[in-house]
Amino acid sequence: MTLAQIVAELCKQVNELEAVRKERFLSWLHKHHRTHQLPSMETLPGFLTAWLGDLHPQGLQWEVQLLQDEIAWWRNLSAARLWRILEEEHSQWIG
């Protein structure tokens, strides 16, 4: 696969997530990559292209697998578990 195909596939997978799960994935990506700005669906293709394009083939393969695993984790997370995560985050902001 070319880099453009990899980025397109990753963006497709993220876009297929429900809104809350998509938001949580983008937040995770922000923390993982330590970006200055939270990525959005509009900026994700350019962000991934720039970031992944700078990696050596082995690093690219590792990061793509990590991204796919994280997308799958959010996709497969039960609604009950997602609710608990959101409640915990909310209570941290309030408390």
C-alpha atoms as a PDB file:
ATOM      1  CA  MET A   1       0.000   0.000   0.000  1.00  0.00           C
ATOM      2  CA  THR A   2       1.105   3.532  -0.661  1.00  0.00           C
ATOM      3  CA  LEU A   3       1.138   6.157   2.066  1.00  0.00           C
ATOM      4  CA  ALA A   4      -1.910   7.816   0.484  1.00  0.00           C
ATOM      5  CA  GLN A   5      -3.798   4.512   0.596  1.00  0.00           C
ATOM      6  CA  ILE A   6      -2.794   3.890   4.213  1.00  0.00           C
ATOM      7  CA  VAL A   7      -3.944   7.369   5.255  1.00  0.00           C
ATOM      8  CA  ALA A   8      -7.211   6.998   3.320  1.00  0.00           C
ATOM      9  CA  GLU A   9      -7.918   3.650   4.991  1.00  0.00           C
ATOM     10  CA  LEU A  10      -7.135   4.970   8.473  1.00  0.00           C
ATOM     11  CA  CYS A  11      -9.342   8.024   7.921  1.00  0.00           C
ATOM     12  CA  LYS A  12     -12.147   5.778   6.655  1.00  0.00           C
ATOM     13  CA  GLN A  13     -11.908   3.610   9.762  1.00  0.00           C
ATOM     14  CA  VAL A  14     -11.943   6.636  12.072  1.00  0.00           C
ATOM     15  CA  ASN A  15     -14.837   8.202  10.194  1.00  0.00           C
ATOM     16  CA  GLU A  16     -16.886   5.020  10.665  1.00  0.00           C
ATOM     17  CA  LEU A  17     -16.682   5.369  14.460  1.00  0.00           C
ATOM     18  CA  GLU A  18     -19.673   6.809  16.322  1.00  0.00           C
ATOM     19  CA  ALA A  19     -19.208  10.483  17.190  1.00  0.00           C
ATOM     20  CA  VAL A  20     -18.174   9.965  20.835  1.00  0.00           C
ATOM     21  CA  ARG A  21     -15.800   7.136  19.958  1.00  0.00           C
ATOM     22  CA  LYS A  22     -14.317   9.220  17.135  1.00  0.00           C
ATOM     23  CA  GLU A  23     -13.800  12.131  19.518  1.00  0.00           C
ATOM     24  CA  ARG A  24     -12.102   9.867  22.077  1.00  0.00           C
ATOM     25  CA  PHE A  25      -9.830   8.368  19.400  1.00  0.00           C
ATOM     26  CA  LEU A  26      -8.791  11.824  18.189  1.00  0.00           C
ATOM     27  CA  SER A  27      -8.096  12.818  21.785  1.00  0.00           C
ATOM     28  CA  TRP A  28      -5.945   9.704  22.228  1.00  0.00           C
ATOM     29  CA  LEU A  29      -4.094  10.515  18.982  1.00  0.00           C
ATOM     30  CA  HIS A  30      -3.475  14.052  20.265  1.00  0.00           C
ATOM     31  CA  LYS A  31      -1.902  12.655  23.443  1.00  0.00           C
ATOM     32  CA  HIS A  32      -0.010   9.876  21.651  1.00  0.00           C
ATOM     33  CA  HIS A  33       1.578  12.200  19.135  1.00  0.00           C
ATOM     34  CA  ARG A  34       1.775  15.212  21.472  1.00  0.00           C
ATOM     35  CA  THR A  35       0.312  17.579  18.906  1.00  0.00           C
ATOM     36  CA  HIS A  36      -0.221  21.263  19.626  1.00  0.00           C
ATOM     37  CA  GLN A  37      -3.758  21.112  18.268  1.00  0.00           C
ATOM     38  CA  LEU A  38      -6.381  18.406  18.656  1.00  0.00           C
ATOM     39  CA  PRO A  39      -6.728  16.677  15.279  1.00  0.00           C
ATOM     40  CA  SER A  40     -10.142  16.836  13.613  1.00  0.00           C
ATOM     41  CA  MET A  41     -11.570  14.822  10.750  1.00  0.00           C
ATOM     42  CA  GLU A  42     -10.755  17.767   8.481  1.00  0.00           C
ATOM     43  CA  THR A  43      -7.101  17.914   9.518  1.00  0.00           C
ATOM     44  CA  LEU A  44      -6.566  14.172  10.021  1.00  0.00           C
ATOM     45  CA  PRO A  45      -5.492  13.267   6.452  1.00  0.00           C
ATOM     46  CA  GLY A  46      -2.810  15.972   6.315  1.00  0.00           C
ATOM     47  CA  PHE A  47      -1.704  15.254   9.871  1.00  0.00           C
ATOM     48  CA  LEU A  48      -1.314  11.512   9.214  1.00  0.00           C
ATOM     49  CA  THR A  49       0.414  12.081   5.876  1.00  0.00           C
ATOM     50  CA  ALA A  50       2.987  14.433   7.409  1.00  0.00           C
ATOM     51  CA  TRP A  51       3.581  12.287  10.500  1.00  0.00           C
ATOM     52  CA  LEU A  52       3.647   8.850   8.908  1.00  0.00           C
ATOM     53  CA  GLY A  53       5.534  10.103   5.862  1.00  0.00           C
ATOM     54  CA  ASP A  54       8.499  10.995   8.076  1.00  0.00           C
ATOM     55  CA  LEU A  55       8.856   7.465   9.452  1.00  0.00           C
ATOM     56  CA  HIS A  56      11.149   4.694   8.296  1.00  0.00           C
ATOM     57  CA  PRO A  57       9.309   1.641   6.887  1.00  0.00           C
ATOM     58  CA  GLN A  58       9.536  -0.316  10.162  1.00  0.00           C
ATOM     59  CA  GLY A  59       8.329   2.658  12.222  1.00  0.00           C
ATOM     60  CA  LEU A  60       5.536   3.278   9.730  1.00  0.00           C
ATOM     61  CA  GLN A  61       4.393  -0.331   9.980  1.00  0.00           C
ATOM     62  CA  TRP A  62       4.464  -0.202  13.789  1.00  0.00           C
ATOM     63  CA  GLU A  63       2.538   3.084  14.025  1.00  0.00           C
ATOM     64  CA  VAL A  64      -0.082   2.024  11.467  1.00  0.00           C
ATOM     65  CA  GLN A  65      -0.695  -1.189  13.414  1.00  0.00           C
ATOM     66  CA  LEU A  66      -0.972   0.799  16.646  1.00  0.00           C
ATOM     67  CA  LEU A  67      -3.458   3.206  15.041  1.00  0.00           C
ATOM     68  CA  GLN A  68      -5.536   0.330  13.662  1.00  0.00           C
ATOM     69  CA  ASP A  69      -5.513  -1.392  17.050  1.00  0.00           C
ATOM     70  CA  GLU A  70      -6.615   1.798  18.803  1.00  0.00           C
ATOM     71  CA  ILE A  71      -9.413   2.397  16.281  1.00  0.00           C
ATOM     72  CA  ALA A  72     -10.570  -1.206  16.776  1.00  0.00           C
ATOM     73  CA  TRP A  73     -10.429  -0.778  20.567  1.00  0.00           C
ATOM     74  CA  TRP A  74     -12.752   2.223  20.433  1.00  0.00           C
ATOM     75  CA  ARG A  75     -15.023   0.511  17.887  1.00  0.00           C
ATOM     76  CA  ASN A  76     -15.331  -2.669  19.982  1.00  0.00           C
ATOM     77  CA  LEU A  77     -15.615  -0.992  23.389  1.00  0.00           C
ATOM     78  CA  SER A  78     -18.941  -1.866  24.996  1.00  0.00           C
ATOM     79  CA  ALA A  79     -21.435   0.920  25.511  1.00  0.00           C
ATOM     80  CA  ALA A  80     -21.359   0.287  29.273  1.00  0.00           C
ATOM     81  CA  ARG A  81     -17.574   0.605  29.432  1.00  0.00           C
ATOM     82  CA  LEU A  82     -17.633   3.736  27.270  1.00  0.00           C
ATOM     83  CA  TRP A  83     -20.223   5.249  29.600  1.00  0.00           C
ATOM     84  CA  ARG A  84     -18.020   4.522  32.643  1.00  0.00           C
ATOM     85  CA  ILE A  85     -15.005   6.131  30.952  1.00  0.00           C
ATOM     86  CA  LEU A  86     -17.034   9.239  30.137  1.00  0.00           C
ATOM     87  CA  GLU A  87     -18.429   9.392  33.687  1.00  0.00           C
ATOM     88  CA  GLU A  88     -14.916   9.105  35.153  1.00  0.00           C
ATOM     89  CA  GLU A  89     -13.641  11.912  32.921  1.00  0.00           C
ATOM     90  CA  HIS A  90     -16.625  14.065  33.824  1.00  0.00           C
ATOM     91  CA  SER A  91     -16.133  13.510  37.555  1.00  0.00           C
ATOM     92  CA  GLN A  92     -12.435  14.448  37.243  1.00  0.00           C
ATOM     93  CA  TRP A  93     -13.404  17.786  35.663  1.00  0.00           C
ATOM     94  CA  ILE A  94     -15.974  18.502  38.359  1.00  0.00           C
ATOM     95  CA  GLY A  95     -14.085  17.149  41.363  1.00  0.00           C
END
